[in-house]
Amino acid sequence: MTTDTAGYTGARLLADTIDALAERAPAVLAAAAEQMRGIRLGLRFNDGSAVSLTVRHSRLVIGPAAESDVEVAFDDRAMNLLFDLQRHPSDQVLPDSLDVRGESDRVLAVWRAFSLLSQRAAGLRFVQGLWRDYRHHRPQLWGHAIPAPAPEPDASEPGGWHALDYLERRRPEATRTDDETRVGGTVTTRPRLLWDGRDSTPWWDELPIADADLYDTMKACRARVAAEMTRLVPDREPRADLYSLVREYPARQGKGLRPTLTIAACAAFGGRPRDAVRAAAALELFHNGFLVHDDIADESTHRRGLPTLHARYGEGLAVNVGDALNLLAIDAVLSNLETLGLARTLALIRETLHMCRESVEGQAIELGWIHRNAVPGTDDDYFLMSTKKTGWYTCISPCRIGAVCAGVTDPRVLDRFDEAFRLIGIAFQIQDDLLNLVGDQAKYGKELLGDLLEGKRTVMLIHLLRTVADPAERKQLTAILGKRRPDKTRRDADTLLAAMRAAGSIDYAVDLADRLAARGIDHFERDLDIIPDNEGKAVLRQIAHYVTTRPL
């Protein structure tokens, strides 16, 4: 967020809000984008700032002011009404105040989009903080200074999130009945999600409104599972050469996607979120063990912004650490006997074995392509490899394992996750491959262009090789791919990237990922209609939409 007063403009506030929603309420953003497809919106604010707002795939994109299909202008009065809710939104379109111009059908589409954004996102504490911060630095709009926003409490701290009550009770120290919440002896209206993906409540109709922030949910789940992993790692010798190293990759925490899917799936089927924490920790231990071994096989230099384990300590110690992580993961799965019982634990073992088998098969396919310097001819080949290598343990298995933790062991029910999250998982992997080429290294955490140096057979590379018609260029590209990782140079990677851009391979992959994610979301709504709309399912839906809205 901008720290200088001059930077607190209406245009900057809108951009920050859109960025926040892409991370914290992606399903809301995708729904708004659907309403605005094909429309260029121009917005002018009372402080002289102006931007355009367009839709690319399922993302709302902020750009410089340009010729627009619909124009909206805010003056001081309109901004005051917007913040203080002095009027119902439909009464704010007044002459010379909130001025809206454009063809009627397009104006209505924009109105629907912003109704979604405002009604369904205004309950997010983070968004409220952005807007309060803007008010604090623009007191002339209200005639008086607005107190600075108080810092948000850390959702991962103990005391406010017992047993992940974000998904379970929503309020600390509360005992919930069917329709009431009792806090400190006072019965209040049970808070509920602002939007579960289908039903919404305008902010002016009902209080309190519960936060539905995906970022905070993932942060809480990640922190709870990280604490469980720390507890599972033995505190004994040999520390320096084993157990201290075992903690390194888990400490370099990622987004928390797998823990959140596992816990949310458990909650979606009516289970207690805390019953899924041990299984989620086992998944993360497996994941980190796979990463240690993958980094050695791929000769990677960095992982999550730091040197890889084998680069720092040597391959021998790194291989042993990967083995130890997998052993600890197995032990964590088996230890569910104490809390979940025999039937659910046996089902967890079956799901875990399936996940591991898919992962090693997918790794074998990819390493085989690199070993033979072969590039598959179709996207379907990539889809199969990606689903096996990462799709199962990143998307499909966490959902299935979370459901098992809730007591679901019927394969016909568990299989309903497969197609939706297979497609979502492939789209997610394509986006990760794209980020390695065109992303921000500080956010991405791995060596940019590392996939090209490692010879990864991505969708972009497959598209390039089947598109290039010139025999000399094909021979040059194939020769670069055939080099060993230590022999490749940055110039080689730049040559491959330039060829991809020229062939349209980057844009092709972006479009493909969006289509796959959209199909996955369709399957989510159809295949998982057996799950009633609840808080757990709402989180699963938000993650499904996160793939379509996260910035590239």
Protein backbone atom coordinates (compact mmCIF):
# COMPACT_ATOMS: atom_id res chain seq x y z
CA MET A 1 0.00 0.00 0.00
CA THR A 2 1.21 3.52 -0.72
CA THR A 3 2.57 5.41 2.28
CA ASP A 4 2.65 9.01 0.95
CA THR A 5 -0.55 11.06 1.07
CA ALA A 6 -0.26 11.98 -2.61
CA GLY A 7 -0.54 8.31 -3.47
CA TYR A 8 -3.94 7.94 -1.80
CA THR A 9 -6.12 8.46 -4.85
CA GLY A 10 -9.43 6.91 -5.80
CA ALA A 11 -7.71 5.14 -8.70
CA ARG A 12 -5.09 3.65 -6.38
CA LEU A 13 -7.78 2.59 -3.90
CA LEU A 14 -9.65 0.76 -6.67
CA ALA A 15 -6.46 -0.97 -7.85
CA ASP A 16 -5.55 -2.04 -4.30
CA THR A 17 -9.09 -3.33 -3.74
CA ILE A 18 -9.03 -5.40 -6.95
CA ASP A 19 -5.61 -6.83 -6.01
CA ALA A 20 -6.90 -7.74 -2.55
CA LEU A 21 -9.99 -9.45 -3.93
CA ALA A 22 -7.90 -11.51 -6.36
CA GLU A 23 -6.11 -12.99 -3.36
CA ARG A 24 -8.80 -12.99 -0.71
CA ALA A 25 -12.17 -13.42 -2.47
CA PRO A 26 -11.42 -14.80 -5.95
CA ALA A 27 -14.90 -16.24 -6.49
CA VAL A 28 -16.37 -12.76 -5.97
CA LEU A 29 -13.94 -11.26 -8.48
CA ALA A 30 -14.66 -13.99 -11.05
CA ALA A 31 -18.42 -13.41 -10.71
CA ALA A 32 -17.99 -9.67 -11.25
CA ALA A 33 -15.72 -10.26 -14.25
CA GLU A 34 -18.36 -12.49 -15.81
CA GLN A 35 -20.81 -9.58 -15.77
CA MET A 36 -18.36 -7.17 -17.41
CA ARG A 37 -16.93 -9.29 -20.23
CA GLY A 38 -16.36 -7.27 -23.39
CA ILE A 39 -16.86 -3.90 -21.66
CA ARG A 40 -14.20 -1.25 -21.12
CA LEU A 41 -15.07 0.87 -18.09
CA GLY A 42 -13.59 4.31 -17.47
CA LEU A 43 -13.57 5.74 -13.94
CA ARG A 44 -12.75 9.30 -12.93
CA PHE A 45 -12.44 10.25 -9.27
CA ASN A 46 -12.86 13.46 -7.31
CA ASP A 47 -9.10 13.78 -6.77
CA GLY A 48 -8.29 13.96 -10.50
CA SER A 49 -7.16 10.35 -10.87
CA ALA A 50 -8.58 8.14 -13.61
CA VAL A 51 -8.25 4.52 -14.72
CA SER A 52 -9.80 1.99 -17.06
CA LEU A 53 -11.17 -1.37 -15.93
CA THR A 54 -11.41 -4.31 -18.33
CA VAL A 55 -11.79 -8.08 -18.14
CA ARG A 56 -9.13 -10.52 -19.25
CA HIS A 57 -10.31 -14.09 -18.84
CA SER A 58 -11.69 -14.05 -15.27
CA ARG A 59 -9.48 -11.20 -14.07
CA LEU A 60 -10.35 -7.54 -13.66
CA VAL A 61 -7.45 -5.54 -15.10
CA ILE A 62 -6.67 -1.94 -14.09
CA GLY A 63 -5.07 0.20 -16.79
CA PRO A 64 -4.49 3.83 -17.73
CA ALA A 65 -7.46 5.99 -18.65
CA ALA A 66 -8.60 5.30 -22.20
CA GLU A 67 -11.63 5.47 -24.45
CA SER A 68 -14.42 3.57 -22.72
CA ASP A 69 -17.79 1.94 -23.35
CA VAL A 70 -19.10 3.10 -19.97
CA GLU A 71 -17.84 6.14 -18.05
CA VAL A 72 -18.33 6.72 -14.33
CA ALA A 73 -17.35 9.92 -12.54
CA PHE A 74 -17.30 10.37 -8.75
CA ASP A 75 -17.35 13.76 -7.03
CA ASP A 76 -16.81 14.44 -3.30
CA ARG A 77 -20.48 13.94 -2.53
CA ALA A 78 -20.61 10.57 -4.28
CA MET A 79 -17.48 9.37 -2.47
CA ASN A 80 -18.97 10.46 0.85
CA LEU A 81 -22.18 8.55 0.18
CA LEU A 82 -20.23 5.50 -0.92
CA PHE A 83 -18.20 5.37 2.29
CA ASP A 84 -20.81 6.34 4.84
CA LEU A 85 -23.73 4.39 3.34
CA GLN A 86 -26.02 7.39 3.70
CA ARG A 87 -28.18 6.07 0.87
CA HIS A 88 -29.02 2.78 -0.77
CA PRO A 89 -26.59 2.38 -3.72
CA SER A 90 -29.35 2.68 -6.34
CA ASP A 91 -30.18 6.14 -4.97
CA GLN A 92 -26.64 7.43 -5.43
CA VAL A 93 -26.87 7.99 -9.19
CA LEU A 94 -27.76 11.66 -9.06
CA PRO A 95 -27.17 14.48 -11.55
CA ASP A 96 -23.70 16.05 -11.24
CA SER A 97 -22.70 13.64 -8.46
CA LEU A 98 -22.19 10.01 -9.48
CA ASP A 99 -22.33 10.45 -13.24
CA VAL A 100 -22.72 7.30 -15.36
CA ARG A 101 -22.75 7.34 -19.16
CA GLY A 102 -23.01 4.58 -21.73
CA GLU A 103 -25.42 2.25 -23.49
CA SER A 104 -28.09 0.98 -21.12
CA ASP A 105 -27.26 -2.73 -21.35
CA ARG A 106 -23.58 -2.03 -20.68
CA VAL A 107 -24.32 0.35 -17.81
CA LEU A 108 -26.53 -2.31 -16.22
CA ALA A 109 -23.78 -4.94 -16.66
CA VAL A 110 -21.29 -2.64 -14.91
CA TRP A 111 -23.83 -1.97 -12.18
CA ARG A 112 -24.30 -5.69 -11.60
CA ALA A 113 -20.54 -6.21 -11.46
CA PHE A 114 -20.04 -3.50 -8.87
CA SER A 115 -23.02 -4.71 -6.85
CA LEU A 116 -21.26 -8.06 -6.59
CA LEU A 117 -17.97 -6.43 -5.60
CA SER A 118 -19.49 -4.15 -3.00
CA GLN A 119 -22.15 -6.37 -1.43
CA ARG A 120 -19.98 -9.47 -1.27
CA ALA A 121 -16.57 -8.01 -0.50
CA ALA A 122 -17.30 -5.12 1.85
CA GLY A 123 -17.32 -7.57 4.76
CA LEU A 124 -13.61 -8.35 4.30
CA ARG A 125 -11.64 -6.74 7.09
CA PHE A 126 -8.65 -6.22 4.81
CA VAL A 127 -10.74 -4.32 2.26
CA GLN A 128 -12.32 -2.28 5.03
CA GLY A 129 -8.79 -1.44 6.19
CA LEU A 130 -7.81 -0.22 2.73
CA TRP A 131 -10.81 2.07 2.55
CA ARG A 132 -10.40 3.35 6.11
CA ASP A 133 -6.76 4.10 5.37
CA TYR A 134 -7.84 6.11 2.32
CA ARG A 135 -10.32 8.09 4.43
CA HIS A 136 -7.63 8.78 7.02
CA HIS A 137 -5.40 10.35 4.37
CA ARG A 138 -8.21 12.23 2.59
CA PRO A 139 -10.01 13.98 5.50
CA GLN A 140 -11.17 16.84 3.24
CA LEU A 141 -13.84 14.52 1.83
CA TRP A 142 -15.55 14.39 5.21
CA GLY A 143 -14.52 17.67 6.78
CA HIS A 144 -12.58 16.03 9.61
CA ALA A 145 -9.74 13.60 10.14
CA ILE A 146 -10.54 9.91 10.36
CA PRO A 147 -8.60 7.93 12.99
CA ALA A 148 -5.91 5.69 11.57
CA PRO A 149 -6.94 2.03 11.28
CA ALA A 150 -5.94 -0.23 14.14
CA PRO A 151 -3.61 -3.10 13.18
CA GLU A 152 -5.35 -6.37 12.42
CA PRO A 153 -4.72 -9.20 14.87
CA ASP A 154 -2.64 -12.09 13.60
CA ALA A 155 -5.15 -14.83 12.77
CA SER A 156 -2.54 -17.50 13.47
CA GLU A 157 -1.97 -16.44 17.08
CA PRO A 158 -3.43 -18.75 19.74
CA GLY A 159 -6.53 -17.54 21.50
CA GLY A 160 -8.58 -16.41 18.52
CA TRP A 161 -8.43 -19.46 16.31
CA HIS A 162 -8.92 -22.47 18.58
CA ALA A 163 -9.32 -25.60 16.41
CA LEU A 164 -9.47 -23.31 13.39
CA ASP A 165 -12.71 -21.73 14.49
CA TYR A 166 -12.61 -19.63 11.33
CA LEU A 167 -14.20 -22.68 9.76
CA GLU A 168 -15.70 -24.19 12.89
CA ARG A 169 -17.11 -21.53 15.18
CA ARG A 170 -16.17 -18.20 13.57
CA ARG A 171 -15.84 -16.50 16.96
CA PRO A 172 -13.37 -17.31 19.79
CA GLU A 173 -14.75 -18.54 23.08
CA ALA A 174 -18.18 -19.05 21.51
CA THR A 175 -20.54 -22.01 21.78
CA ARG A 176 -22.93 -22.19 18.85
CA THR A 177 -26.50 -23.39 18.77
CA ASP A 178 -28.42 -23.80 15.54
CA ASP A 179 -29.26 -20.13 15.04
CA GLU A 180 -27.45 -18.27 17.80
CA THR A 181 -23.99 -17.51 19.08
CA ARG A 182 -23.43 -16.93 22.79
CA VAL A 183 -20.44 -14.67 23.50
CA GLY A 184 -19.65 -13.62 27.05
CA GLY A 185 -23.17 -14.51 28.18
CA THR A 186 -24.87 -12.49 25.43
CA VAL A 187 -26.83 -14.18 22.68
CA THR A 188 -26.26 -12.55 19.29
CA THR A 189 -27.26 -13.32 15.73
CA ARG A 190 -25.07 -16.07 14.34
CA PRO A 191 -22.64 -14.47 11.88
CA ARG A 192 -22.58 -16.02 8.45
CA LEU A 193 -20.57 -15.80 5.27
CA LEU A 194 -21.12 -12.70 3.19
CA TRP A 195 -21.22 -14.94 0.12
CA ASP A 196 -21.06 -18.72 -0.21
CA GLY A 197 -20.90 -18.64 -4.02
CA ARG A 198 -24.65 -18.57 -4.56
CA ASP A 199 -26.38 -16.52 -1.87
CA SER A 200 -25.39 -13.07 -0.68
CA THR A 201 -26.52 -10.53 1.88
CA PRO A 202 -26.20 -6.78 1.24
CA TRP A 203 -24.11 -5.13 3.94
CA TRP A 204 -26.87 -2.69 4.87
CA ASP A 205 -29.40 -5.43 5.67
CA GLU A 206 -27.82 -7.54 8.35
CA LEU A 207 -25.08 -7.38 10.96
CA PRO A 208 -22.76 -8.88 11.91
CA ILE A 209 -21.26 -10.15 8.65
CA ALA A 210 -18.61 -12.83 8.93
CA ASP A 211 -15.31 -12.42 7.15
CA ALA A 212 -14.85 -14.64 4.08
CA ASP A 213 -11.21 -13.91 3.41
CA LEU A 214 -9.44 -16.73 1.55
CA TYR A 215 -6.00 -15.29 2.34
CA ASP A 216 -6.68 -15.29 6.09
CA THR A 217 -8.23 -18.75 5.89
CA MET A 218 -5.16 -20.15 4.12
CA LYS A 219 -2.89 -18.34 6.55
CA ALA A 220 -4.67 -19.86 9.54
CA CYS A 221 -4.70 -23.37 8.06
CA ARG A 222 -1.04 -23.08 7.05
CA ALA A 223 -0.02 -21.92 10.52
CA ARG A 224 -1.97 -24.67 12.30
CA VAL A 225 -0.52 -27.38 10.06
CA ALA A 226 2.99 -25.91 10.34
CA ALA A 227 2.72 -26.14 14.12
CA GLU A 228 1.66 -29.78 13.79
CA MET A 229 4.62 -30.54 11.51
CA THR A 230 6.99 -28.95 14.02
CA ARG A 231 5.55 -31.18 16.72
CA LEU A 232 5.99 -34.28 14.54
CA VAL A 233 9.71 -33.70 13.85
CA PRO A 234 11.79 -35.32 16.63
CA ASP A 235 13.94 -33.10 18.80
CA ARG A 236 16.94 -35.37 19.18
CA GLU A 237 20.28 -36.23 17.63
CA PRO A 238 21.52 -36.10 14.98
CA ARG A 239 20.22 -32.52 14.90
CA ALA A 240 22.83 -30.74 12.78
CA ASP A 241 22.90 -33.30 9.97
CA LEU A 242 19.29 -34.48 9.97
CA TYR A 243 16.48 -33.04 12.07
CA SER A 244 17.51 -29.38 11.76
CA LEU A 245 17.69 -29.89 8.00
CA VAL A 246 14.33 -31.68 7.98
CA ARG A 247 12.77 -28.47 9.30
CA GLU A 248 14.22 -26.23 6.58
CA TYR A 249 11.79 -26.74 3.67
CA PRO A 250 8.64 -26.86 5.86
CA ALA A 251 9.78 -23.56 7.41
CA ARG A 252 9.86 -21.99 3.93
CA GLN A 253 6.09 -21.95 3.89
CA GLY A 254 4.13 -21.73 0.66
CA LYS A 255 0.58 -20.48 0.18
CA GLY A 256 -1.11 -23.16 2.27
CA LEU A 257 -3.16 -24.57 -0.60
CA ARG A 258 -2.99 -28.25 0.41
CA PRO A 259 -3.71 -27.70 4.14
CA THR A 260 -6.67 -25.46 3.30
CA LEU A 261 -8.15 -27.93 0.80
CA THR A 262 -7.79 -30.77 3.30
CA ILE A 263 -9.36 -28.91 6.21
CA ALA A 264 -12.10 -27.29 4.09
CA ALA A 265 -13.09 -30.64 2.52
CA CYS A 266 -13.38 -32.13 6.00
CA ALA A 267 -15.56 -29.23 7.12
CA ALA A 268 -17.65 -29.41 3.91
CA PHE A 269 -18.72 -32.96 4.81
CA GLY A 270 -19.59 -31.97 8.36
CA GLY A 271 -16.35 -33.06 10.01
CA ARG A 272 -14.42 -31.18 12.66
CA PRO A 273 -11.58 -29.22 11.03
CA ARG A 274 -9.15 -30.23 13.77
CA ASP A 275 -9.61 -33.89 12.75
CA ALA A 276 -7.95 -33.09 9.39
CA VAL A 277 -4.90 -31.27 10.76
CA ARG A 278 -2.72 -34.37 11.28
CA ALA A 279 -3.50 -35.68 7.79
CA ALA A 280 -2.79 -32.24 6.30
CA ALA A 281 0.56 -32.19 8.09
CA ALA A 282 1.37 -35.62 6.63
CA LEU A 283 0.58 -34.29 3.14
CA GLU A 284 2.91 -31.34 3.68
CA LEU A 285 5.70 -33.62 4.89
CA PHE A 286 5.31 -35.77 1.78
CA HIS A 287 5.27 -32.63 -0.36
CA ASN A 288 8.48 -31.30 1.14
CA GLY A 289 10.16 -34.70 0.80
CA PHE A 290 9.20 -34.75 -2.89
CA LEU A 291 10.57 -31.22 -3.31
CA VAL A 292 13.96 -32.14 -1.85
CA HIS A 293 14.28 -35.07 -4.26
CA ASP A 294 12.83 -33.12 -7.21
CA ASP A 295 15.33 -30.33 -6.72
CA ILE A 296 18.18 -32.83 -6.91
CA ALA A 297 16.76 -34.52 -10.02
CA ASP A 298 16.11 -31.15 -11.69
CA GLU A 299 19.45 -29.65 -10.55
CA SER A 300 17.50 -26.66 -9.22
CA THR A 301 19.39 -23.90 -7.46
CA HIS A 302 16.64 -22.16 -5.45
CA ARG A 303 13.46 -23.10 -3.64
CA ARG A 304 11.11 -20.46 -2.18
CA GLY A 305 13.71 -17.73 -2.47
CA LEU A 306 16.59 -19.60 -0.80
CA PRO A 307 19.25 -22.07 -2.03
CA THR A 308 18.01 -25.63 -2.42
CA LEU A 309 18.97 -28.13 0.24
CA HIS A 310 21.45 -30.03 -1.95
CA ALA A 311 23.04 -26.77 -3.14
CA ARG A 312 23.64 -25.74 0.47
CA TYR A 313 24.54 -29.06 2.13
CA GLY A 314 25.37 -31.47 -0.69
CA GLU A 315 23.37 -34.21 -2.38
CA GLY A 316 24.08 -36.93 0.21
CA LEU A 317 22.57 -35.08 3.16
CA ALA A 318 19.72 -33.77 0.99
CA VAL A 319 18.70 -37.26 -0.21
CA ASN A 320 18.66 -38.46 3.39
CA VAL A 321 16.54 -35.50 4.49
CA GLY A 322 14.02 -36.24 1.73
CA ASP A 323 13.85 -39.86 2.90
CA ALA A 324 13.33 -38.71 6.51
CA LEU A 325 10.50 -36.37 5.52
CA ASN A 326 8.70 -39.22 3.75
CA LEU A 327 9.21 -41.49 6.77
CA LEU A 328 7.79 -38.85 9.12
CA ALA A 329 4.82 -38.42 6.77
CA ILE A 330 4.04 -42.15 6.91
CA ASP A 331 4.25 -42.06 10.70
CA ALA A 332 1.88 -39.06 10.76
CA VAL A 333 -0.71 -40.89 8.66
CA LEU A 334 -0.57 -43.96 10.90
CA SER A 335 -0.87 -41.87 14.06
CA ASN A 336 -4.43 -40.95 13.05
CA LEU A 337 -5.42 -44.30 14.56
CA GLU A 338 -5.49 -42.57 17.94
CA THR A 339 -8.07 -39.96 16.97
CA LEU A 340 -9.88 -41.13 13.82
CA GLY A 341 -10.04 -44.87 14.40
CA LEU A 342 -9.16 -47.86 12.24
CA ALA A 343 -11.58 -47.46 9.29
CA ARG A 344 -10.73 -43.86 8.50
CA THR A 345 -7.02 -44.47 9.02
CA LEU A 346 -7.05 -47.42 6.60
CA ALA A 347 -8.81 -45.20 4.07
CA LEU A 348 -6.16 -42.51 4.62
CA ILE A 349 -3.42 -45.08 3.96
CA ARG A 350 -5.07 -46.13 0.70
CA GLU A 351 -5.45 -42.52 -0.43
CA THR A 352 -1.86 -41.72 0.52
CA LEU A 353 -0.43 -44.72 -1.34
CA HIS A 354 -2.44 -43.80 -4.44
CA MET A 355 -1.19 -40.22 -4.26
CA CYS A 356 2.46 -41.30 -3.93
CA ARG A 357 2.17 -43.77 -6.80
CA GLU A 358 0.68 -41.13 -9.10
CA SER A 359 3.43 -38.68 -8.14
CA VAL A 360 6.38 -40.98 -8.84
CA GLU A 361 4.81 -42.09 -12.13
CA GLY A 362 4.41 -38.48 -13.22
CA GLN A 363 7.98 -37.69 -12.22
CA ALA A 364 9.18 -40.68 -14.26
CA ILE A 365 7.31 -39.46 -17.35
CA GLU A 366 8.84 -35.99 -17.15
CA LEU A 367 12.38 -37.18 -16.38
CA GLY A 368 12.09 -39.68 -19.24
CA TRP A 369 11.28 -36.90 -21.71
CA ILE A 370 14.31 -34.92 -20.55
CA HIS A 371 16.59 -37.98 -20.57
CA ARG A 372 15.64 -38.83 -24.18
CA ASN A 373 15.49 -35.15 -25.22
CA ALA A 374 11.95 -35.81 -26.41
CA VAL A 375 9.15 -33.26 -26.55
CA PRO A 376 5.60 -34.69 -26.45
CA GLY A 377 3.46 -33.82 -29.43
CA THR A 378 0.16 -32.98 -27.71
CA ASP A 379 -1.14 -31.05 -24.74
CA ASP A 380 -2.83 -34.24 -23.53
CA ASP A 381 0.60 -35.74 -22.85
CA TYR A 382 1.39 -32.77 -20.62
CA PHE A 383 -2.02 -33.02 -18.92
CA LEU A 384 -1.34 -36.65 -17.99
CA MET A 385 2.14 -35.92 -16.65
CA SER A 386 1.04 -32.82 -14.75
CA THR A 387 -1.95 -34.56 -13.18
CA LYS A 388 0.19 -37.45 -12.01
CA LYS A 389 3.21 -35.46 -10.88
CA THR A 390 1.52 -32.59 -9.05
CA GLY A 391 -2.24 -32.65 -9.58
CA TRP A 392 -2.92 -35.54 -7.26
CA TYR A 393 -0.92 -34.40 -4.26
CA THR A 394 -1.63 -30.68 -4.77
CA CYS A 395 -5.38 -30.66 -5.48
CA ILE A 396 -7.17 -34.01 -5.77
CA SER A 397 -5.73 -35.97 -2.85
CA PRO A 398 -6.02 -33.16 -0.28
CA CYS A 399 -9.76 -32.97 -0.99
CA ARG A 400 -10.24 -36.73 -0.85
CA ILE A 401 -8.15 -37.05 2.31
CA GLY A 402 -10.07 -34.23 4.00
CA ALA A 403 -13.34 -35.96 3.18
CA VAL A 404 -11.99 -39.22 4.63
CA CYS A 405 -11.14 -37.36 7.85
CA ALA A 406 -14.84 -36.46 8.04
CA GLY A 407 -15.78 -40.15 7.71
CA VAL A 408 -16.41 -40.38 3.94
CA THR A 409 -14.91 -43.61 2.60
CA ASP A 410 -17.26 -44.43 -0.30
CA PRO A 411 -15.12 -44.28 -3.49
CA ARG A 412 -18.12 -43.09 -5.51
CA VAL A 413 -18.34 -40.02 -3.32
CA LEU A 414 -14.59 -39.38 -3.17
CA ASP A 415 -14.33 -39.71 -6.95
CA ARG A 416 -16.57 -36.66 -7.35
CA PHE A 417 -13.57 -34.47 -6.53
CA ASP A 418 -11.39 -35.94 -9.27
CA GLU A 419 -12.40 -34.27 -12.53
CA ALA A 420 -12.98 -30.80 -11.10
CA PHE A 421 -9.67 -30.69 -9.29
CA ARG A 422 -7.82 -32.51 -12.08
CA LEU A 423 -8.68 -29.63 -14.41
CA ILE A 424 -8.06 -26.99 -11.75
CA GLY A 425 -4.73 -28.64 -10.88
CA ILE A 426 -3.54 -28.63 -14.52
CA ALA A 427 -4.52 -24.97 -14.87
CA PHE A 428 -2.67 -24.17 -11.64
CA GLN A 429 0.47 -25.96 -12.88
CA ILE A 430 0.38 -24.17 -16.24
CA GLN A 431 0.17 -20.88 -14.37
CA ASP A 432 3.16 -21.85 -12.21
CA ASP A 433 5.08 -22.72 -15.38
CA LEU A 434 4.16 -19.30 -16.79
CA LEU A 435 5.26 -17.54 -13.60
CA ASN A 436 8.68 -19.16 -13.98
CA LEU A 437 8.98 -17.37 -17.32
CA VAL A 438 7.24 -14.03 -16.82
CA GLY A 439 6.63 -13.72 -13.06
CA ASP A 440 8.14 -11.61 -10.30
CA GLN A 441 11.01 -13.62 -8.81
CA ALA A 442 10.48 -12.07 -5.37
CA LYS A 443 6.91 -13.43 -5.34
CA TYR A 444 7.60 -16.64 -7.27
CA GLY A 445 10.44 -17.84 -5.01
CA LYS A 446 12.27 -19.93 -7.63
CA GLU A 447 14.95 -19.09 -10.15
CA LEU A 448 13.27 -17.33 -13.08
CA LEU A 449 13.72 -19.26 -16.36
CA GLY A 450 14.84 -22.21 -14.24
CA ASP A 451 12.35 -24.47 -16.03
CA LEU A 452 14.03 -23.66 -19.35
CA LEU A 453 17.47 -24.39 -17.92
CA GLU A 454 16.17 -27.66 -16.44
CA GLY A 455 14.53 -28.64 -19.74
CA LYS A 456 10.99 -28.87 -18.31
CA ARG A 457 8.48 -29.92 -20.96
CA THR A 458 5.83 -27.27 -20.36
CA VAL A 459 2.75 -26.46 -22.42
CA MET A 460 4.62 -23.45 -23.81
CA LEU A 461 7.52 -25.61 -24.99
CA ILE A 462 5.20 -28.23 -26.48
CA HIS A 463 3.29 -25.51 -28.35
CA LEU A 464 6.54 -23.94 -29.57
CA LEU A 465 7.97 -27.18 -30.97
CA ARG A 466 4.79 -28.08 -32.82
CA THR A 467 4.46 -24.52 -34.17
CA VAL A 468 8.00 -23.88 -35.44
CA ALA A 469 8.13 -24.70 -39.16
CA ASP A 470 11.69 -23.61 -39.99
CA PRO A 471 13.99 -26.68 -39.84
CA ALA A 472 17.04 -24.63 -38.86
CA GLU A 473 15.25 -23.01 -35.93
CA ARG A 474 13.84 -26.34 -34.79
CA LYS A 475 17.35 -27.85 -34.90
CA GLN A 476 18.72 -24.94 -32.83
CA LEU A 477 15.98 -25.23 -30.21
CA THR A 478 16.32 -29.01 -29.98
CA ALA A 479 20.10 -28.66 -29.53
CA ILE A 480 19.59 -26.25 -26.62
CA LEU A 481 17.09 -28.60 -24.98
CA GLY A 482 19.55 -31.48 -25.30
CA LYS A 483 22.23 -29.76 -23.22
CA ARG A 484 22.76 -30.82 -19.62
CA ARG A 485 21.67 -28.29 -17.01
CA PRO A 486 25.26 -27.25 -16.08
CA ASP A 487 26.02 -26.61 -19.77
CA LYS A 488 23.03 -24.36 -20.43
CA THR A 489 23.51 -20.61 -20.23
CA ARG A 490 21.18 -17.71 -19.56
CA ARG A 491 21.53 -16.88 -23.25
CA ASP A 492 20.13 -20.34 -24.10
CA ALA A 493 17.12 -19.70 -21.84
CA ASP A 494 16.58 -16.25 -23.36
CA THR A 495 16.66 -17.79 -26.86
CA LEU A 496 13.93 -20.28 -25.90
CA LEU A 497 11.82 -17.59 -24.23
CA ALA A 498 12.11 -15.27 -27.25
CA ALA A 499 11.03 -18.11 -29.54
CA MET A 500 8.02 -18.80 -27.30
CA ARG A 501 6.96 -15.17 -27.41
CA ALA A 502 7.33 -15.05 -31.19
CA ALA A 503 5.26 -18.21 -31.63
CA GLY A 504 2.51 -16.96 -29.31
CA SER A 505 3.18 -19.81 -26.87
CA ILE A 506 2.84 -17.60 -23.76
CA ASP A 507 -0.57 -16.26 -24.76
CA TYR A 508 -1.64 -19.74 -25.82
CA ALA A 509 -0.83 -21.13 -22.36
CA VAL A 510 -2.66 -18.29 -20.58
CA ASP A 511 -5.80 -18.96 -22.65
CA LEU A 512 -5.50 -22.72 -22.14
CA ALA A 513 -5.17 -22.41 -18.36
CA ASP A 514 -8.24 -20.20 -18.23
CA ARG A 515 -10.33 -22.64 -20.28
CA LEU A 516 -9.27 -25.59 -18.13
CA ALA A 517 -10.02 -23.72 -14.91
CA ALA A 518 -13.46 -22.68 -16.20
CA ARG A 519 -14.25 -26.33 -17.03
CA GLY A 520 -13.04 -27.33 -13.59
CA ILE A 521 -15.36 -24.83 -11.94
CA ASP A 522 -18.29 -26.17 -13.98
CA HIS A 523 -17.48 -29.69 -12.78
CA PHE A 524 -17.16 -28.40 -9.21
CA GLU A 525 -20.72 -27.08 -9.25
CA ARG A 526 -22.18 -30.18 -10.94
CA ASP A 527 -20.17 -33.02 -9.41
CA LEU A 528 -20.11 -31.68 -5.85
CA ASP A 529 -23.78 -30.74 -5.66
CA ILE A 530 -24.10 -33.59 -3.15
CA ILE A 531 -22.40 -31.29 -0.61
CA PRO A 532 -24.78 -28.67 0.81
CA ASP A 533 -23.60 -25.08 0.65
CA ASN A 534 -21.68 -24.47 3.85
CA GLU A 535 -18.53 -22.70 4.99
CA GLY A 536 -16.21 -25.55 4.06
CA LYS A 537 -17.62 -25.83 0.55
CA ALA A 538 -17.44 -22.04 0.18
CA VAL A 539 -13.69 -22.18 0.85
CA LEU A 540 -13.27 -24.98 -1.72
CA ARG A 541 -15.17 -22.84 -4.24
CA GLN A 542 -12.96 -19.83 -3.50
CA ILE A 543 -9.84 -21.91 -4.15
CA ALA A 544 -11.30 -23.18 -7.42
CA HIS A 545 -11.79 -19.58 -8.54
CA TYR A 546 -8.38 -18.52 -7.21
CA VAL A 547 -6.80 -20.26 -10.21
CA THR A 548 -8.73 -18.08 -12.65
CA THR A 549 -8.17 -14.76 -10.90
CA ARG A 550 -4.60 -14.75 -9.56
CA PRO A 551 -2.36 -12.30 -11.44
CA LEU A 552 0.28 -13.63 -13.84
